[in-house]
Each structure stands twice: as C-alpha cells, then as structure tokens.
Amino acid sequence: QPYWSRATHTDFQAPSGYFGAGSAPLVDGDRVIVNVGGPKGAGIVAFALDSGKTLWSVTDELASYAAPMAAEIEGQRRILVVTRLNFLGLEPVTGRELFRVPFGARGPTVNGATPVVVGRHALLTASYGIGARYIQLGAASAEVTWDDEILSSQYTTPIVHD
C-alpha cells in the first residue's frame, strides 16, 4: 500500500524528455528530491517524505537521467544534481542554488551517470562528445579542474577504486 504518490510530469508540466522520464529520486532526511524537469521553477522539486507535499521547487532546468545525490562539502550538506545541461549544487532545506557548472549538450545526447564525489571533487561523465569534467567543490562554489573528451560513460556511473 503506497503512502502517497505524485504525477510529477502532470503536476509540473514537465516535458517527457529524450527517452521519457528516468531519474531516480533521492531521499535526504525528511525530503524526497526529484529531477522533474518542469518549467516555471519546477526543474528540481523536493517533496515531504511523510506526505508527498511539495516543500520547494527550483530552476527551469530540464531533467537528465542521473540521480540527484547528497554530499558533505566543507561541513555543509549539499544536493548535487546533473540536469540536462548543467551541474547544480543546492542547499537541501530550501533548494537555493549555490553553484552551477555547464555540463551536457543539446542534440541526441543525455546525461545519465550520477556524479562521483571523492572528497571535495566531483567527476561528471557523458557520451556523444561530452566527455568528462572534474570539478573542485566548495560549500558554495564549483570550479572545473579539468575536462577530457575521451573519458565518457553514458549511463554507467564510474566507481572509485583505490
């Protein structure tokens, strides 16, 4: 028996996306955070875990297929989201955008791999000419350390080994 459900694409007028909807939600504390991809400030939405009530919605970013993730950066909890064309860092309670780094391209491409966070760095990767981007993270900042056009993974998230 479900506790609650939301028709996110209907509720927030989100387009279906290149391959339909496909991003996994993130449960962070008492919130469920979803990369919905809706217009008018409904790109990323947080719902109350216990009721499904909308807690906040931010950006006009289109959705990707990468799951949002939470990370501790400089002692601060952050929500990291790869959208269709950007990598965002959000404050989890309010959804306030703290940083944005371009990542992705228009055309027959998708962002599907979840960011890999190691310490204060994030690795982003996608195929079809996008490649990889290694980013140094601050609690309210992000700076590209390097780009690589060959290192690319479309949907499979890389893992850290040694």
C-alpha atoms as a PDB file:
ATOM      1  CA  GLN A   1       0.000   0.000   0.000  1.00  0.00           C
ATOM      2  CA  PRO A   2       1.630   3.301  -1.077  1.00  0.00           C
ATOM      3  CA  TYR A   3       1.776   6.146   1.444  1.00  0.00           C
ATOM      4  CA  TRP A   4       1.451   8.753  -1.298  1.00  0.00           C
ATOM      5  CA  SER A   5       2.110   9.343  -4.979  1.00  0.00           C
ATOM      6  CA  ARG A   6       2.577  12.338  -7.244  1.00  0.00           C
ATOM      7  CA  ALA A   7       2.123  12.615 -11.011  1.00  0.00           C
ATOM      8  CA  THR A   8       5.183  14.845 -11.324  1.00  0.00           C
ATOM      9  CA  HIS A   9       5.087  15.353 -15.085  1.00  0.00           C
ATOM     10  CA  THR A  10       1.415  16.317 -14.958  1.00  0.00           C
ATOM     11  CA  ASP A  11       1.649  18.372 -11.739  1.00  0.00           C
ATOM     12  CA  PHE A  12       4.641  20.374 -13.004  1.00  0.00           C
ATOM     13  CA  GLN A  13       4.014  20.330 -16.817  1.00  0.00           C
ATOM     14  CA  ALA A  14       7.373  18.625 -17.435  1.00  0.00           C
ATOM     15  CA  PRO A  15       8.183  17.515 -20.978  1.00  0.00           C
ATOM     16  CA  SER A  16       8.729  13.791 -21.444  1.00  0.00           C
ATOM     17  CA  GLY A  17      12.438  14.103 -22.260  1.00  0.00           C
ATOM     18  CA  TYR A  18      14.541  12.391 -24.884  1.00  0.00           C
ATOM     19  CA  PHE A  19      13.822   8.848 -23.586  1.00  0.00           C
ATOM     20  CA  GLY A  20      10.914   9.669 -21.271  1.00  0.00           C
ATOM     21  CA  ALA A  21      11.384  10.071 -17.502  1.00  0.00           C
ATOM     22  CA  GLY A  22      14.165   8.150 -15.861  1.00  0.00           C
ATOM     23  CA  SER A  23      15.938   9.859 -12.947  1.00  0.00           C
ATOM     24  CA  ALA A  24      15.807   8.065  -9.593  1.00  0.00           C
ATOM     25  CA  PRO A  25      14.625  10.180  -6.642  1.00  0.00           C
ATOM     26  CA  LEU A  26      16.872  10.978  -3.688  1.00  0.00           C
ATOM     27  CA  VAL A  27      15.654  10.566  -0.113  1.00  0.00           C
ATOM     28  CA  ASP A  28      17.562  13.038   2.058  1.00  0.00           C
ATOM     29  CA  GLY A  29      16.326  13.345   5.629  1.00  0.00           C
ATOM     30  CA  ASP A  30      12.626  14.170   5.522  1.00  0.00           C
ATOM     31  CA  ARG A  31      12.704  15.112   1.815  1.00  0.00           C
ATOM     32  CA  VAL A  32      12.387  13.279  -1.490  1.00  0.00           C
ATOM     33  CA  ILE A  33      14.235  15.241  -4.167  1.00  0.00           C
ATOM     34  CA  VAL A  34      13.349  14.658  -7.815  1.00  0.00           C
ATOM     35  CA  ASN A  35      14.893  15.976 -11.033  1.00  0.00           C
ATOM     36  CA  VAL A  36      11.439  16.624 -12.572  1.00  0.00           C
ATOM     37  CA  GLY A  37      12.470  18.957 -15.408  1.00  0.00           C
ATOM     38  CA  GLY A  38       9.418  21.178 -15.280  1.00  0.00           C
ATOM     39  CA  PRO A  39       9.236  24.825 -16.399  1.00  0.00           C
ATOM     40  CA  LYS A  40       8.425  27.835 -14.212  1.00  0.00           C
ATOM     41  CA  GLY A  41      10.750  26.884 -11.383  1.00  0.00           C
ATOM     42  CA  ALA A  42       9.937  23.161 -11.294  1.00  0.00           C
ATOM     43  CA  GLY A  43      13.184  21.713 -12.640  1.00  0.00           C
ATOM     44  CA  ILE A  44      14.074  20.166  -9.287  1.00  0.00           C
ATOM     45  CA  VAL A  45      11.403  19.521  -6.667  1.00  0.00           C
ATOM     46  CA  ALA A  46      11.513  18.416  -3.026  1.00  0.00           C
ATOM     47  CA  PHE A  47       8.571  16.560  -1.515  1.00  0.00           C
ATOM     48  CA  ALA A  48       7.848  15.793   2.132  1.00  0.00           C
ATOM     49  CA  LEU A  49       8.802  12.171   2.757  1.00  0.00           C
ATOM     50  CA  ASP A  50       5.793  11.559   5.013  1.00  0.00           C
ATOM     51  CA  SER A  51       3.070  13.196   2.883  1.00  0.00           C
ATOM     52  CA  GLY A  52       4.260  13.986  -0.663  1.00  0.00           C
ATOM     53  CA  LYS A  53       3.544  17.698  -0.136  1.00  0.00           C
ATOM     54  CA  THR A  54       5.731  19.979  -2.258  1.00  0.00           C
ATOM     55  CA  LEU A  55       8.341  21.590   0.012  1.00  0.00           C
ATOM     56  CA  TRP A  56      10.229  23.553  -2.631  1.00  0.00           C
ATOM     57  CA  SER A  57      10.801  23.702  -6.369  1.00  0.00           C
ATOM     58  CA  VAL A  58      13.652  25.464  -8.141  1.00  0.00           C
ATOM     59  CA  THR A  59      15.170  26.171 -11.584  1.00  0.00           C
ATOM     60  CA  ASP A  60      13.801  25.784 -15.087  1.00  0.00           C
ATOM     61  CA  GLU A  61      16.350  23.063 -15.830  1.00  0.00           C
ATOM     62  CA  LEU A  62      15.240  20.145 -17.968  1.00  0.00           C
ATOM     63  CA  ALA A  63      15.672  16.734 -16.373  1.00  0.00           C
ATOM     64  CA  SER A  64      18.500  14.331 -17.001  1.00  0.00           C
ATOM     65  CA  TYR A  65      18.591  10.619 -16.255  1.00  0.00           C
ATOM     66  CA  ALA A  66      21.195  10.996 -13.498  1.00  0.00           C
ATOM     67  CA  ALA A  67      20.014  10.584  -9.927  1.00  0.00           C
ATOM     68  CA  PRO A  68      20.498  13.539  -7.583  1.00  0.00           C
ATOM     69  CA  MET A  69      22.882  12.842  -4.719  1.00  0.00           C
ATOM     70  CA  ALA A  70      23.759  14.299  -1.328  1.00  0.00           C
ATOM     71  CA  ALA A  71      27.294  15.086  -0.146  1.00  0.00           C
ATOM     72  CA  GLU A  72      29.034  16.779   2.758  1.00  0.00           C
ATOM     73  CA  ILE A  73      31.227  19.573   1.374  1.00  0.00           C
ATOM     74  CA  GLU A  74      33.273  21.685   3.763  1.00  0.00           C
ATOM     75  CA  GLY A  75      30.992  20.540   6.579  1.00  0.00           C
ATOM     76  CA  GLN A  76      27.802  21.524   4.729  1.00  0.00           C
ATOM     77  CA  ARG A  77      25.153  19.161   3.373  1.00  0.00           C
ATOM     78  CA  ARG A  78      24.611  19.731  -0.355  1.00  0.00           C
ATOM     79  CA  ILE A  79      22.363  18.246  -3.016  1.00  0.00           C
ATOM     80  CA  LEU A  80      24.203  17.690  -6.299  1.00  0.00           C
ATOM     81  CA  VAL A  81      22.147  17.399  -9.463  1.00  0.00           C
ATOM     82  CA  VAL A  82      23.170  16.825 -13.061  1.00  0.00           C
ATOM     83  CA  THR A  83      20.373  18.274 -15.181  1.00  0.00           C
ATOM     84  CA  ARG A  84      20.061  18.163 -18.958  1.00  0.00           C
ATOM     85  CA  LEU A  85      22.669  20.906 -19.446  1.00  0.00           C
ATOM     86  CA  ASN A  86      24.192  21.787 -16.053  1.00  0.00           C
ATOM     87  CA  PHE A  87      25.612  20.508 -12.769  1.00  0.00           C
ATOM     88  CA  LEU A  88      23.987  22.223  -9.777  1.00  0.00           C
ATOM     89  CA  GLY A  89      24.732  22.417  -6.075  1.00  0.00           C
ATOM     90  CA  LEU A  90      21.689  23.108  -3.901  1.00  0.00           C
ATOM     91  CA  GLU A  91      21.043  23.807  -0.245  1.00  0.00           C
ATOM     92  CA  PRO A  92      18.837  20.855   0.817  1.00  0.00           C
ATOM     93  CA  VAL A  93      16.324  22.581   3.119  1.00  0.00           C
ATOM     94  CA  THR A  94      15.410  25.458   0.782  1.00  0.00           C
ATOM     95  CA  GLY A  95      16.655  24.309  -2.641  1.00  0.00           C
ATOM     96  CA  ARG A  96      18.640  27.539  -3.017  1.00  0.00           C
ATOM     97  CA  GLU A  97      21.140  27.228  -5.860  1.00  0.00           C
ATOM     98  CA  LEU A  98      24.708  27.600  -4.603  1.00  0.00           C
ATOM     99  CA  PHE A  99      26.640  26.824  -7.762  1.00  0.00           C
ATOM    100  CA  ARG A 100      26.215  25.876 -11.412  1.00  0.00           C
ATOM    101  CA  VAL A 101      28.661  24.405 -13.915  1.00  0.00           C
ATOM    102  CA  PRO A 102      27.696  23.829 -17.563  1.00  0.00           C
ATOM    103  CA  PHE A 103      27.671  20.133 -18.452  1.00  0.00           C
ATOM    104  CA  GLY A 104      25.929  18.470 -21.391  1.00  0.00           C
ATOM    105  CA  ALA A 105      24.913  19.470 -24.890  1.00  0.00           C
ATOM    106  CA  ARG A 106      21.790  19.950 -26.946  1.00  0.00           C
ATOM    107  CA  GLY A 107      21.042  17.273 -29.500  1.00  0.00           C
ATOM    108  CA  PRO A 108      20.887  13.489 -29.340  1.00  0.00           C
ATOM    109  CA  THR A 109      22.725  13.243 -26.015  1.00  0.00           C
ATOM    110  CA  VAL A 110      21.657  12.627 -22.442  1.00  0.00           C
ATOM    111  CA  ASN A 111      23.277  12.942 -19.037  1.00  0.00           C
ATOM    112  CA  GLY A 112      22.721   9.627 -17.291  1.00  0.00           C
ATOM    113  CA  ALA A 113      25.676   8.908 -14.997  1.00  0.00           C
ATOM    114  CA  THR A 114      25.374  10.064 -11.400  1.00  0.00           C
ATOM    115  CA  PRO A 115      28.203  12.366 -10.225  1.00  0.00           C
ATOM    116  CA  VAL A 116      31.053  10.580  -8.470  1.00  0.00           C
ATOM    117  CA  VAL A 117      32.182  12.531  -5.407  1.00  0.00           C
ATOM    118  CA  VAL A 118      35.577  11.960  -3.819  1.00  0.00           C
ATOM    119  CA  GLY A 119      36.389  14.389  -1.034  1.00  0.00           C
ATOM    120  CA  ARG A 120      35.965  17.873  -2.454  1.00  0.00           C
ATOM    121  CA  HIS A 121      35.844  16.779  -6.093  1.00  0.00           C
ATOM    122  CA  ALA A 122      33.119  15.543  -8.427  1.00  0.00           C
ATOM    123  CA  LEU A 123      33.587  13.603 -11.656  1.00  0.00           C
ATOM    124  CA  LEU A 124      30.877  14.055 -14.291  1.00  0.00           C
ATOM    125  CA  THR A 125      30.784  11.975 -17.448  1.00  0.00           C
ATOM    126  CA  ALA A 126      28.584  11.513 -20.527  1.00  0.00           C
ATOM    127  CA  SER A 127      28.974  10.154 -24.051  1.00  0.00           C
ATOM    128  CA  TYR A 128      28.395  11.553 -27.550  1.00  0.00           C
ATOM    129  CA  GLY A 129      31.144  14.149 -27.489  1.00  0.00           C
ATOM    130  CA  ILE A 130      30.545  15.444 -23.969  1.00  0.00           C
ATOM    131  CA  GLY A 131      33.283  13.524 -22.151  1.00  0.00           C
ATOM    132  CA  ALA A 132      34.239  14.099 -18.531  1.00  0.00           C
ATOM    133  CA  ARG A 133      34.615  17.088 -16.261  1.00  0.00           C
ATOM    134  CA  TYR A 134      36.439  17.010 -12.910  1.00  0.00           C
ATOM    135  CA  ILE A 135      35.233  19.716 -10.545  1.00  0.00           C
ATOM    136  CA  GLN A 136      36.603  21.029  -7.264  1.00  0.00           C
ATOM    137  CA  LEU A 137      33.720  21.672  -4.898  1.00  0.00           C
ATOM    138  CA  GLY A 138      33.298  24.256  -2.182  1.00  0.00           C
ATOM    139  CA  ALA A 139      30.271  24.644   0.072  1.00  0.00           C
ATOM    140  CA  ALA A 140      29.011  27.385  -2.271  1.00  0.00           C
ATOM    141  CA  SER A 141      31.337  27.101  -5.276  1.00  0.00           C
ATOM    142  CA  ALA A 142      32.465  24.785  -8.042  1.00  0.00           C
ATOM    143  CA  GLU A 143      35.482  25.141 -10.308  1.00  0.00           C
ATOM    144  CA  VAL A 144      36.366  22.934 -13.264  1.00  0.00           C
ATOM    145  CA  THR A 145      39.793  21.367 -12.662  1.00  0.00           C
ATOM    146  CA  TRP A 146      39.995  19.527 -15.990  1.00  0.00           C
ATOM    147  CA  ASP A 147      37.961  18.372 -18.998  1.00  0.00           C
ATOM    148  CA  ASP A 148      38.530  15.222 -21.055  1.00  0.00           C
ATOM    149  CA  GLU A 149      36.710  14.480 -24.316  1.00  0.00           C
ATOM    150  CA  ILE A 150      37.560  10.764 -24.397  1.00  0.00           C
ATOM    151  CA  LEU A 151      36.633   9.628 -20.879  1.00  0.00           C
ATOM    152  CA  SER A 152      32.903   9.132 -21.283  1.00  0.00           C
ATOM    153  CA  SER A 153      30.210   6.955 -19.804  1.00  0.00           C
ATOM    154  CA  GLN A 154      26.646   7.423 -20.929  1.00  0.00           C
ATOM    155  CA  TYR A 155      24.607   5.691 -18.209  1.00  0.00           C
ATOM    156  CA  THR A 156      27.041   3.631 -16.168  1.00  0.00           C
ATOM    157  CA  THR A 157      28.331   5.578 -13.180  1.00  0.00           C
ATOM    158  CA  PRO A 158      32.068   5.088 -12.669  1.00  0.00           C
ATOM    159  CA  ILE A 159      33.246   3.770  -9.309  1.00  0.00           C
ATOM    160  CA  VAL A 160      36.221   4.754  -7.208  1.00  0.00           C
ATOM    161  CA  HIS A 161      38.888   2.088  -6.820  1.00  0.00           C
ATOM    162  CA  ASP A 162      41.965   2.683  -4.617  1.00  0.00           C
END
